N, C-alpha and C. Protein backbone atom coordinates (compact mmCIF):
# COMPACT_ATOMS: atom_id res chain seq x y z
N MET A 1 183.14 -28.05 -102.36
CA MET A 1 183.39 -29.23 -101.57
C MET A 1 183.13 -30.43 -102.46
N ALA A 2 184.09 -31.30 -102.61
CA ALA A 2 183.93 -32.50 -103.41
C ALA A 2 183.06 -33.48 -102.65
N THR A 3 182.14 -34.09 -103.37
CA THR A 3 181.23 -35.02 -102.72
C THR A 3 181.70 -36.46 -102.89
N LEU A 4 181.41 -37.26 -101.91
CA LEU A 4 181.68 -38.69 -102.00
C LEU A 4 180.40 -39.45 -102.32
N VAL A 5 179.28 -38.74 -102.37
CA VAL A 5 178.00 -39.37 -102.66
C VAL A 5 178.04 -39.95 -104.07
N GLY A 6 177.57 -41.18 -104.17
CA GLY A 6 177.58 -41.87 -105.45
C GLY A 6 178.66 -42.92 -105.53
N LYS A 7 179.57 -42.91 -104.57
CA LYS A 7 180.66 -43.90 -104.56
C LYS A 7 180.33 -45.12 -103.71
N GLN A 8 179.17 -45.12 -103.06
CA GLN A 8 178.80 -46.22 -102.18
C GLN A 8 178.52 -47.47 -103.03
N SER A 9 179.01 -48.61 -102.57
CA SER A 9 178.78 -49.85 -103.33
C SER A 9 177.42 -50.45 -103.02
N ASP A 10 176.91 -50.19 -101.85
CA ASP A 10 175.61 -50.72 -101.42
C ASP A 10 174.49 -49.79 -101.90
N PRO A 11 173.49 -50.32 -102.63
CA PRO A 11 172.40 -49.47 -103.12
C PRO A 11 171.66 -48.70 -102.03
N VAL A 12 171.45 -49.31 -100.87
CA VAL A 12 170.74 -48.63 -99.78
C VAL A 12 171.56 -47.43 -99.29
N SER A 13 172.86 -47.62 -99.11
CA SER A 13 173.73 -46.51 -98.69
C SER A 13 173.75 -45.41 -99.74
N LEU A 14 173.82 -45.81 -100.99
CA LEU A 14 173.82 -44.84 -102.08
C LEU A 14 172.56 -43.99 -102.06
N LEU A 15 171.40 -44.63 -101.99
CA LEU A 15 170.14 -43.90 -102.01
C LEU A 15 169.97 -43.04 -100.75
N ARG A 16 170.38 -43.56 -99.61
CA ARG A 16 170.30 -42.77 -98.37
C ARG A 16 171.13 -41.50 -98.51
N ASN A 17 172.34 -41.63 -99.05
CA ASN A 17 173.20 -40.47 -99.23
C ASN A 17 172.63 -39.48 -100.25
N LEU A 18 171.99 -39.99 -101.29
CA LEU A 18 171.35 -39.09 -102.26
C LEU A 18 170.21 -38.31 -101.61
N VAL A 19 169.40 -38.99 -100.80
CA VAL A 19 168.30 -38.30 -100.12
C VAL A 19 168.86 -37.24 -99.18
N GLU A 20 169.89 -37.58 -98.43
CA GLU A 20 170.51 -36.59 -97.53
C GLU A 20 171.04 -35.40 -98.32
N LEU A 21 171.65 -35.67 -99.47
CA LEU A 21 172.17 -34.59 -100.31
C LEU A 21 171.03 -33.71 -100.83
N ASP A 22 169.91 -34.33 -101.20
CA ASP A 22 168.76 -33.54 -101.65
C ASP A 22 168.20 -32.70 -100.51
N TYR A 23 168.15 -33.24 -99.31
CA TYR A 23 167.73 -32.43 -98.15
C TYR A 23 168.69 -31.25 -97.94
N ASP A 24 169.99 -31.51 -98.07
CA ASP A 24 170.97 -30.43 -97.94
C ASP A 24 170.73 -29.36 -99.00
N ALA A 25 170.41 -29.80 -100.22
CA ALA A 25 170.13 -28.86 -101.30
C ALA A 25 168.89 -28.03 -101.00
N ILE A 26 167.87 -28.64 -100.42
CA ILE A 26 166.66 -27.91 -100.05
C ILE A 26 167.01 -26.78 -99.08
N GLU A 27 167.79 -27.09 -98.07
CA GLU A 27 168.19 -26.06 -97.09
C GLU A 27 169.00 -24.95 -97.75
N ALA A 28 169.89 -25.33 -98.66
CA ALA A 28 170.70 -24.32 -99.34
C ALA A 28 169.83 -23.43 -100.23
N TYR A 29 168.89 -24.04 -100.95
CA TYR A 29 167.99 -23.24 -101.79
C TYR A 29 167.13 -22.31 -100.94
N GLU A 30 166.63 -22.80 -99.83
CA GLU A 30 165.83 -21.93 -98.95
C GLU A 30 166.65 -20.75 -98.46
N ALA A 31 167.91 -21.00 -98.10
CA ALA A 31 168.79 -19.92 -97.65
C ALA A 31 169.05 -18.93 -98.79
N ALA A 32 169.26 -19.45 -99.98
CA ALA A 32 169.52 -18.58 -101.14
C ALA A 32 168.31 -17.71 -101.45
N ILE A 33 167.15 -18.33 -101.49
CA ILE A 33 165.91 -17.60 -101.82
C ILE A 33 165.68 -16.47 -100.82
N ALA A 34 165.94 -16.74 -99.56
CA ALA A 34 165.72 -15.73 -98.51
C ALA A 34 166.68 -14.55 -98.63
N ARG A 35 167.82 -14.75 -99.31
CA ARG A 35 168.85 -13.72 -99.36
C ARG A 35 168.97 -13.01 -100.71
N LEU A 36 168.34 -13.55 -101.73
CA LEU A 36 168.44 -12.95 -103.06
C LEU A 36 167.68 -11.63 -103.15
N ASP A 37 168.26 -10.68 -103.86
CA ASP A 37 167.56 -9.43 -104.14
C ASP A 37 166.66 -9.57 -105.37
N ASP A 38 167.06 -10.39 -106.33
CA ASP A 38 166.34 -10.55 -107.58
C ASP A 38 165.21 -11.57 -107.41
N SER A 39 163.98 -11.08 -107.45
CA SER A 39 162.83 -11.97 -107.20
C SER A 39 162.60 -12.95 -108.35
N ILE A 40 162.99 -12.60 -109.56
CA ILE A 40 162.82 -13.51 -110.70
C ILE A 40 163.74 -14.72 -110.53
N ILE A 41 164.99 -14.46 -110.15
CA ILE A 41 165.91 -15.57 -109.88
C ILE A 41 165.37 -16.38 -108.70
N GLY A 42 164.86 -15.71 -107.70
CA GLY A 42 164.29 -16.40 -106.54
C GLY A 42 163.15 -17.32 -106.91
N GLN A 43 162.29 -16.89 -107.84
CA GLN A 43 161.18 -17.74 -108.28
C GLN A 43 161.72 -19.01 -108.94
N ARG A 44 162.75 -18.86 -109.75
CA ARG A 44 163.33 -20.02 -110.43
C ARG A 44 163.97 -20.97 -109.42
N LEU A 45 164.67 -20.40 -108.44
CA LEU A 45 165.30 -21.25 -107.42
C LEU A 45 164.25 -21.96 -106.58
N ARG A 46 163.09 -21.34 -106.39
CA ARG A 46 161.99 -22.01 -105.68
C ARG A 46 161.56 -23.28 -106.43
N GLN A 47 161.51 -23.18 -107.76
CA GLN A 47 161.18 -24.35 -108.57
C GLN A 47 162.23 -25.45 -108.38
N PHE A 48 163.49 -25.05 -108.34
CA PHE A 48 164.56 -26.03 -108.16
C PHE A 48 164.48 -26.67 -106.78
N CYS A 49 164.15 -25.87 -105.78
CA CYS A 49 163.97 -26.38 -104.42
C CYS A 49 162.85 -27.43 -104.41
N ASP A 50 161.77 -27.13 -105.13
CA ASP A 50 160.66 -28.08 -105.24
C ASP A 50 161.10 -29.37 -105.94
N ASP A 51 161.98 -29.26 -106.93
CA ASP A 51 162.52 -30.46 -107.57
C ASP A 51 163.24 -31.34 -106.55
N HIS A 52 164.02 -30.72 -105.68
CA HIS A 52 164.74 -31.48 -104.65
C HIS A 52 163.76 -32.12 -103.67
N ARG A 53 162.69 -31.43 -103.35
CA ARG A 53 161.65 -32.02 -102.48
C ARG A 53 161.03 -33.25 -103.16
N ARG A 54 160.79 -33.12 -104.46
CA ARG A 54 160.24 -34.24 -105.22
C ARG A 54 161.23 -35.41 -105.24
N HIS A 55 162.51 -35.11 -105.38
CA HIS A 55 163.52 -36.18 -105.35
C HIS A 55 163.45 -36.95 -104.04
N VAL A 56 163.35 -36.22 -102.93
CA VAL A 56 163.24 -36.86 -101.61
C VAL A 56 161.99 -37.73 -101.56
N ALA A 57 160.87 -37.18 -102.02
CA ALA A 57 159.59 -37.90 -101.98
C ALA A 57 159.61 -39.14 -102.88
N THR A 58 160.39 -39.11 -103.93
CA THR A 58 160.50 -40.24 -104.84
C THR A 58 161.49 -41.29 -104.33
N LEU A 59 162.61 -40.84 -103.79
CA LEU A 59 163.66 -41.77 -103.38
C LEU A 59 163.39 -42.47 -102.06
N ASN A 60 162.73 -41.81 -101.13
CA ASN A 60 162.48 -42.45 -99.83
C ASN A 60 161.68 -43.75 -99.95
N PRO A 61 160.61 -43.82 -100.74
CA PRO A 61 159.91 -45.10 -100.89
C PRO A 61 160.77 -46.19 -101.55
N ILE A 62 161.61 -45.80 -102.48
CA ILE A 62 162.52 -46.77 -103.10
C ILE A 62 163.51 -47.28 -102.06
N LEU A 63 164.01 -46.37 -101.26
CA LEU A 63 164.92 -46.73 -100.18
C LEU A 63 164.26 -47.73 -99.24
N GLN A 64 163.02 -47.47 -98.87
CA GLN A 64 162.27 -48.39 -98.00
C GLN A 64 162.09 -49.75 -98.67
N ARG A 65 161.75 -49.73 -99.94
CA ARG A 65 161.52 -50.98 -100.68
C ARG A 65 162.78 -51.85 -100.68
N LEU A 66 163.95 -51.19 -100.66
CA LEU A 66 165.21 -51.93 -100.66
C LEU A 66 165.68 -52.30 -99.25
N GLY A 67 164.86 -51.97 -98.25
CA GLY A 67 165.17 -52.35 -96.88
C GLY A 67 165.80 -51.26 -96.04
N GLY A 68 165.90 -50.07 -96.57
CA GLY A 68 166.47 -48.96 -95.81
C GLY A 68 165.41 -48.19 -95.05
N ASP A 69 165.85 -47.34 -94.15
CA ASP A 69 164.95 -46.48 -93.39
C ASP A 69 164.73 -45.17 -94.14
N VAL A 70 163.55 -44.60 -93.96
CA VAL A 70 163.25 -43.30 -94.53
C VAL A 70 164.21 -42.27 -93.95
N VAL A 71 164.71 -41.39 -94.80
CA VAL A 71 165.59 -40.31 -94.37
C VAL A 71 164.72 -39.07 -94.17
N LEU A 72 164.85 -38.44 -93.01
CA LEU A 72 164.00 -37.30 -92.67
C LEU A 72 164.72 -35.96 -92.73
N GLN A 73 166.04 -35.98 -92.89
CA GLN A 73 166.80 -34.72 -92.94
C GLN A 73 168.16 -34.98 -93.56
N GLY A 74 168.85 -33.89 -93.83
CA GLY A 74 170.20 -33.99 -94.37
C GLY A 74 171.17 -34.41 -93.29
N ASP A 75 172.44 -34.43 -93.65
CA ASP A 75 173.45 -34.79 -92.66
C ASP A 75 174.29 -33.56 -92.33
N ILE A 76 175.40 -33.75 -91.70
CA ILE A 76 176.23 -32.65 -91.23
C ILE A 76 176.77 -31.79 -92.37
N LYS A 77 176.83 -32.34 -93.59
CA LYS A 77 177.30 -31.56 -94.74
C LYS A 77 176.41 -30.36 -95.00
N ARG A 78 175.17 -30.40 -94.49
CA ARG A 78 174.26 -29.28 -94.74
C ARG A 78 174.81 -27.98 -94.16
N VAL A 79 175.61 -28.08 -93.12
CA VAL A 79 176.21 -26.89 -92.54
C VAL A 79 177.11 -26.22 -93.58
N LEU A 80 177.88 -27.02 -94.31
CA LEU A 80 178.76 -26.47 -95.34
C LEU A 80 177.97 -25.99 -96.55
N THR A 81 177.00 -26.80 -96.96
CA THR A 81 176.19 -26.47 -98.13
C THR A 81 175.43 -25.17 -97.93
N LYS A 82 174.75 -25.06 -96.81
CA LYS A 82 173.98 -23.85 -96.50
C LYS A 82 174.92 -22.70 -96.14
N GLY A 83 176.00 -23.01 -95.44
CA GLY A 83 176.93 -21.98 -94.99
C GLY A 83 177.53 -21.17 -96.13
N LYS A 84 177.85 -21.84 -97.25
CA LYS A 84 178.38 -21.13 -98.41
C LYS A 84 177.39 -20.08 -98.89
N VAL A 85 176.12 -20.44 -98.88
CA VAL A 85 175.07 -19.53 -99.35
C VAL A 85 174.90 -18.36 -98.38
N VAL A 86 174.91 -18.66 -97.09
CA VAL A 86 174.75 -17.60 -96.08
C VAL A 86 175.89 -16.59 -96.21
N ILE A 87 177.11 -17.07 -96.33
CA ILE A 87 178.25 -16.18 -96.49
C ILE A 87 178.14 -15.42 -97.81
N GLY A 88 177.75 -16.12 -98.87
CA GLY A 88 177.56 -15.46 -100.16
C GLY A 88 176.53 -14.35 -100.09
N GLY A 89 175.54 -14.52 -99.22
CA GLY A 89 174.50 -13.52 -99.06
C GLY A 89 175.02 -12.17 -98.60
N LEU A 90 176.18 -12.17 -98.00
CA LEU A 90 176.80 -10.91 -97.57
C LEU A 90 177.32 -10.10 -98.75
N PHE A 91 177.49 -10.77 -99.89
CA PHE A 91 178.12 -10.13 -101.04
C PHE A 91 177.21 -10.03 -102.26
N GLY A 92 175.95 -10.34 -102.12
CA GLY A 92 175.00 -10.13 -103.21
C GLY A 92 174.62 -11.38 -103.98
N ASP A 93 173.77 -11.16 -104.96
CA ASP A 93 173.18 -12.26 -105.72
C ASP A 93 174.22 -13.10 -106.45
N ARG A 94 175.22 -12.47 -107.02
CA ARG A 94 176.24 -13.22 -107.76
C ARG A 94 176.96 -14.21 -106.84
N ALA A 95 177.33 -13.78 -105.67
CA ALA A 95 178.03 -14.66 -104.72
C ALA A 95 177.11 -15.79 -104.26
N ILE A 96 175.83 -15.49 -104.08
CA ILE A 96 174.88 -16.54 -103.71
C ILE A 96 174.80 -17.58 -104.81
N LEU A 97 174.69 -17.12 -106.06
CA LEU A 97 174.61 -18.06 -107.18
C LEU A 97 175.91 -18.84 -107.36
N MET A 98 177.03 -18.21 -107.09
CA MET A 98 178.30 -18.95 -107.17
C MET A 98 178.33 -20.07 -106.13
N ALA A 99 177.83 -19.80 -104.94
CA ALA A 99 177.75 -20.84 -103.91
C ALA A 99 176.78 -21.94 -104.35
N MET A 100 175.65 -21.55 -104.93
CA MET A 100 174.68 -22.55 -105.38
C MET A 100 175.25 -23.39 -106.52
N LYS A 101 176.08 -22.78 -107.36
CA LYS A 101 176.69 -23.55 -108.44
C LYS A 101 177.58 -24.65 -107.88
N THR A 102 178.37 -24.33 -106.86
CA THR A 102 179.23 -25.38 -106.29
C THR A 102 178.38 -26.48 -105.67
N ASN A 103 177.25 -26.11 -105.07
CA ASN A 103 176.35 -27.13 -104.52
C ASN A 103 175.78 -27.99 -105.64
N GLU A 104 175.38 -27.36 -106.74
CA GLU A 104 174.84 -28.12 -107.87
C GLU A 104 175.92 -28.97 -108.54
N ASP A 105 177.15 -28.51 -108.53
CA ASP A 105 178.25 -29.35 -109.03
C ASP A 105 178.27 -30.67 -108.26
N ASP A 106 178.12 -30.58 -106.95
CA ASP A 106 178.12 -31.79 -106.11
C ASP A 106 176.93 -32.69 -106.40
N THR A 107 175.74 -32.12 -106.54
CA THR A 107 174.57 -32.98 -106.79
C THR A 107 174.66 -33.59 -108.19
N ASN A 108 175.18 -32.84 -109.16
CA ASN A 108 175.37 -33.41 -110.49
C ASN A 108 176.34 -34.58 -110.45
N THR A 109 177.46 -34.39 -109.77
CA THR A 109 178.45 -35.46 -109.65
C THR A 109 177.85 -36.69 -108.99
N ALA A 110 177.11 -36.48 -107.92
CA ALA A 110 176.51 -37.61 -107.19
C ALA A 110 175.54 -38.38 -108.07
N TYR A 111 174.67 -37.68 -108.78
CA TYR A 111 173.70 -38.37 -109.64
C TYR A 111 174.37 -38.99 -110.86
N GLU A 112 175.43 -38.36 -111.39
CA GLU A 112 176.17 -38.97 -112.50
C GLU A 112 176.76 -40.30 -112.08
N ARG A 113 177.28 -40.36 -110.88
CA ARG A 113 177.82 -41.62 -110.37
C ARG A 113 176.70 -42.64 -110.14
N ALA A 114 175.60 -42.16 -109.60
CA ALA A 114 174.51 -43.07 -109.23
C ALA A 114 173.89 -43.76 -110.44
N VAL A 115 173.75 -43.05 -111.56
CA VAL A 115 173.07 -43.64 -112.71
C VAL A 115 173.87 -44.77 -113.35
N VAL A 116 175.15 -44.87 -113.04
CA VAL A 116 175.96 -45.97 -113.58
C VAL A 116 176.25 -47.04 -112.53
N HIS A 117 175.58 -46.94 -111.39
CA HIS A 117 175.76 -47.92 -110.31
C HIS A 117 175.31 -49.28 -110.82
N THR A 118 176.15 -50.28 -110.66
CA THR A 118 175.88 -51.59 -111.25
C THR A 118 174.89 -52.44 -110.46
N ARG A 119 174.57 -52.06 -109.23
CA ARG A 119 173.70 -52.90 -108.40
C ARG A 119 172.29 -52.33 -108.27
N LEU A 120 171.92 -51.40 -109.12
CA LEU A 120 170.57 -50.82 -109.08
C LEU A 120 169.74 -51.39 -110.23
N SER A 121 168.47 -51.60 -109.96
CA SER A 121 167.57 -52.09 -111.00
C SER A 121 167.32 -50.99 -112.03
N SER A 122 166.88 -51.39 -113.20
CA SER A 122 166.68 -50.43 -114.29
C SER A 122 165.61 -49.39 -113.95
N ASP A 123 164.57 -49.78 -113.18
CA ASP A 123 163.54 -48.79 -112.82
C ASP A 123 164.10 -47.72 -111.88
N VAL A 124 165.00 -48.11 -110.99
CA VAL A 124 165.62 -47.13 -110.09
C VAL A 124 166.57 -46.23 -110.88
N VAL A 125 167.33 -46.82 -111.79
CA VAL A 125 168.23 -46.03 -112.63
C VAL A 125 167.44 -45.00 -113.44
N GLN A 126 166.27 -45.40 -113.92
CA GLN A 126 165.43 -44.47 -114.68
C GLN A 126 165.02 -43.26 -113.82
N VAL A 127 164.67 -43.51 -112.57
CA VAL A 127 164.33 -42.41 -111.65
C VAL A 127 165.54 -41.51 -111.46
N LEU A 128 166.69 -42.12 -111.24
CA LEU A 128 167.92 -41.35 -111.02
C LEU A 128 168.30 -40.54 -112.25
N GLN A 129 168.07 -41.10 -113.44
CA GLN A 129 168.35 -40.35 -114.67
C GLN A 129 167.46 -39.12 -114.77
N SER A 130 166.22 -39.25 -114.36
CA SER A 130 165.30 -38.11 -114.35
C SER A 130 165.79 -37.04 -113.37
N HIS A 131 166.25 -37.47 -112.21
CA HIS A 131 166.78 -36.53 -111.22
C HIS A 131 168.05 -35.86 -111.74
N LEU A 132 168.89 -36.63 -112.41
CA LEU A 132 170.11 -36.07 -112.99
C LEU A 132 169.76 -35.00 -114.03
N ALA A 133 168.74 -35.24 -114.82
CA ALA A 133 168.31 -34.23 -115.81
C ALA A 133 167.90 -32.94 -115.10
N ASP A 134 167.20 -33.07 -113.96
CA ASP A 134 166.85 -31.88 -113.17
C ASP A 134 168.11 -31.16 -112.71
N GLU A 135 169.06 -31.91 -112.18
CA GLU A 135 170.29 -31.32 -111.65
C GLU A 135 171.06 -30.59 -112.74
N ARG A 136 171.12 -31.18 -113.91
CA ARG A 136 171.82 -30.52 -115.02
C ARG A 136 171.11 -29.23 -115.42
N ARG A 137 169.78 -29.25 -115.40
CA ARG A 137 168.99 -28.05 -115.72
C ARG A 137 169.24 -26.97 -114.67
N HIS A 138 169.30 -27.35 -113.41
CA HIS A 138 169.58 -26.38 -112.33
C HIS A 138 170.94 -25.72 -112.56
N ARG A 139 171.94 -26.55 -112.77
CA ARG A 139 173.29 -26.00 -112.92
C ARG A 139 173.39 -25.12 -114.16
N GLU A 140 172.78 -25.54 -115.25
CA GLU A 140 172.83 -24.75 -116.48
C GLU A 140 172.18 -23.38 -116.28
N TYR A 141 171.05 -23.34 -115.60
CA TYR A 141 170.39 -22.06 -115.33
C TYR A 141 171.31 -21.16 -114.50
N ILE A 142 171.90 -21.72 -113.47
CA ILE A 142 172.76 -20.92 -112.59
C ILE A 142 173.97 -20.39 -113.36
N VAL A 143 174.61 -21.23 -114.16
CA VAL A 143 175.77 -20.81 -114.95
C VAL A 143 175.37 -19.71 -115.93
N THR A 144 174.26 -19.90 -116.63
CA THR A 144 173.79 -18.90 -117.59
C THR A 144 173.45 -17.59 -116.89
N THR A 145 172.81 -17.67 -115.75
CA THR A 145 172.44 -16.47 -114.99
C THR A 145 173.69 -15.74 -114.50
N LEU A 146 174.67 -16.49 -114.03
CA LEU A 146 175.92 -15.86 -113.58
C LEU A 146 176.59 -15.09 -114.72
N ARG A 147 176.55 -15.65 -115.91
CA ARG A 147 177.16 -14.96 -117.06
C ARG A 147 176.47 -13.63 -117.34
N GLY A 148 175.17 -13.56 -117.03
CA GLY A 148 174.40 -12.37 -117.32
C GLY A 148 174.45 -11.29 -116.25
N LEU A 149 174.94 -11.63 -115.07
CA LEU A 149 174.99 -10.63 -114.00
C LEU A 149 176.16 -9.69 -114.21
N ALA A 150 175.93 -8.43 -113.91
CA ALA A 150 176.96 -7.40 -114.07
C ALA A 150 178.14 -7.67 -113.15
N PRO A 151 179.37 -7.36 -113.60
CA PRO A 151 180.55 -7.57 -112.76
C PRO A 151 180.48 -6.88 -111.40
N GLU A 152 179.87 -5.69 -111.35
CA GLU A 152 179.79 -4.99 -110.06
C GLU A 152 178.94 -5.76 -109.06
N GLU A 153 178.06 -6.63 -109.56
CA GLU A 153 177.24 -7.46 -108.67
C GLU A 153 178.13 -8.38 -107.84
N GLN A 154 179.28 -8.72 -108.37
CA GLN A 154 180.19 -9.64 -107.68
C GLN A 154 180.74 -9.03 -106.39
N THR A 155 180.92 -7.73 -106.37
CA THR A 155 181.54 -7.13 -105.19
C THR A 155 180.58 -6.31 -104.35
N ARG A 156 179.37 -6.12 -104.82
CA ARG A 156 178.40 -5.31 -104.08
C ARG A 156 178.01 -6.00 -102.78
N VAL A 157 178.02 -5.27 -101.72
CA VAL A 157 177.57 -5.80 -100.44
C VAL A 157 176.12 -5.39 -100.27
N SER A 158 175.27 -6.36 -100.08
CA SER A 158 173.85 -6.10 -99.95
C SER A 158 173.47 -6.08 -98.47
N SER A 159 173.14 -4.92 -97.97
CA SER A 159 172.78 -4.83 -96.55
C SER A 159 171.50 -5.57 -96.25
N SER A 160 170.64 -5.74 -97.25
CA SER A 160 169.39 -6.46 -97.01
C SER A 160 169.62 -7.96 -96.89
N SER A 161 170.80 -8.44 -97.29
CA SER A 161 171.10 -9.87 -97.21
C SER A 161 171.80 -10.26 -95.93
N ILE A 162 172.22 -9.29 -95.13
CA ILE A 162 172.95 -9.60 -93.91
C ILE A 162 171.98 -10.12 -92.86
N VAL A 163 172.35 -11.23 -92.27
CA VAL A 163 171.50 -11.86 -91.26
C VAL A 163 171.79 -11.28 -89.90
C-alpha cells in the first residue's frame, strides 16, 4: 500500500500522521511476533516494535509543542497494515516477513519525505533522521532475513499461525 504520509505541508499534520503510522507499525509488529515460528526473528522484531514505541514517545511531545494534540492510536490504515501480517501468518514466516517488508517500505518512504520537509526546525529534522535510520535498519534486516529463508518456507502453511 503506497503511503501518503510525509506529503503533508503542515508540520502538525505531518507529525500526527507519522505518529499514527508508528502506531500502525506497532500493531503490525505485535501481530507478526505472535504468528512467527522462528523465535530469533521474533526477538528482533520485538526490538523493532520497541523502536516504533520510542518514535511515538518522542514525536508526541514535539507534536504538542507545535500545537497539536497527542495521538493515542493509529488510524484506519492499521486494518490494512495488520491485516497483511495476519493473512501472511497463514502461510508461514516468509509471508509474514514479506508483509512486514511492505509495511517498512511505507514507513521508510514517510520518514524520507519528512526529513526534507521545509517547514520543520532543524532539531525536529534531527529526530526524524534518527527515526529514518531505525526504519532503514528494520527494512534491511527483513530483506536480508527473507533472502536467507528456504524457498519451501514461502509455501508452507503453518497450522500454529492460524487464528
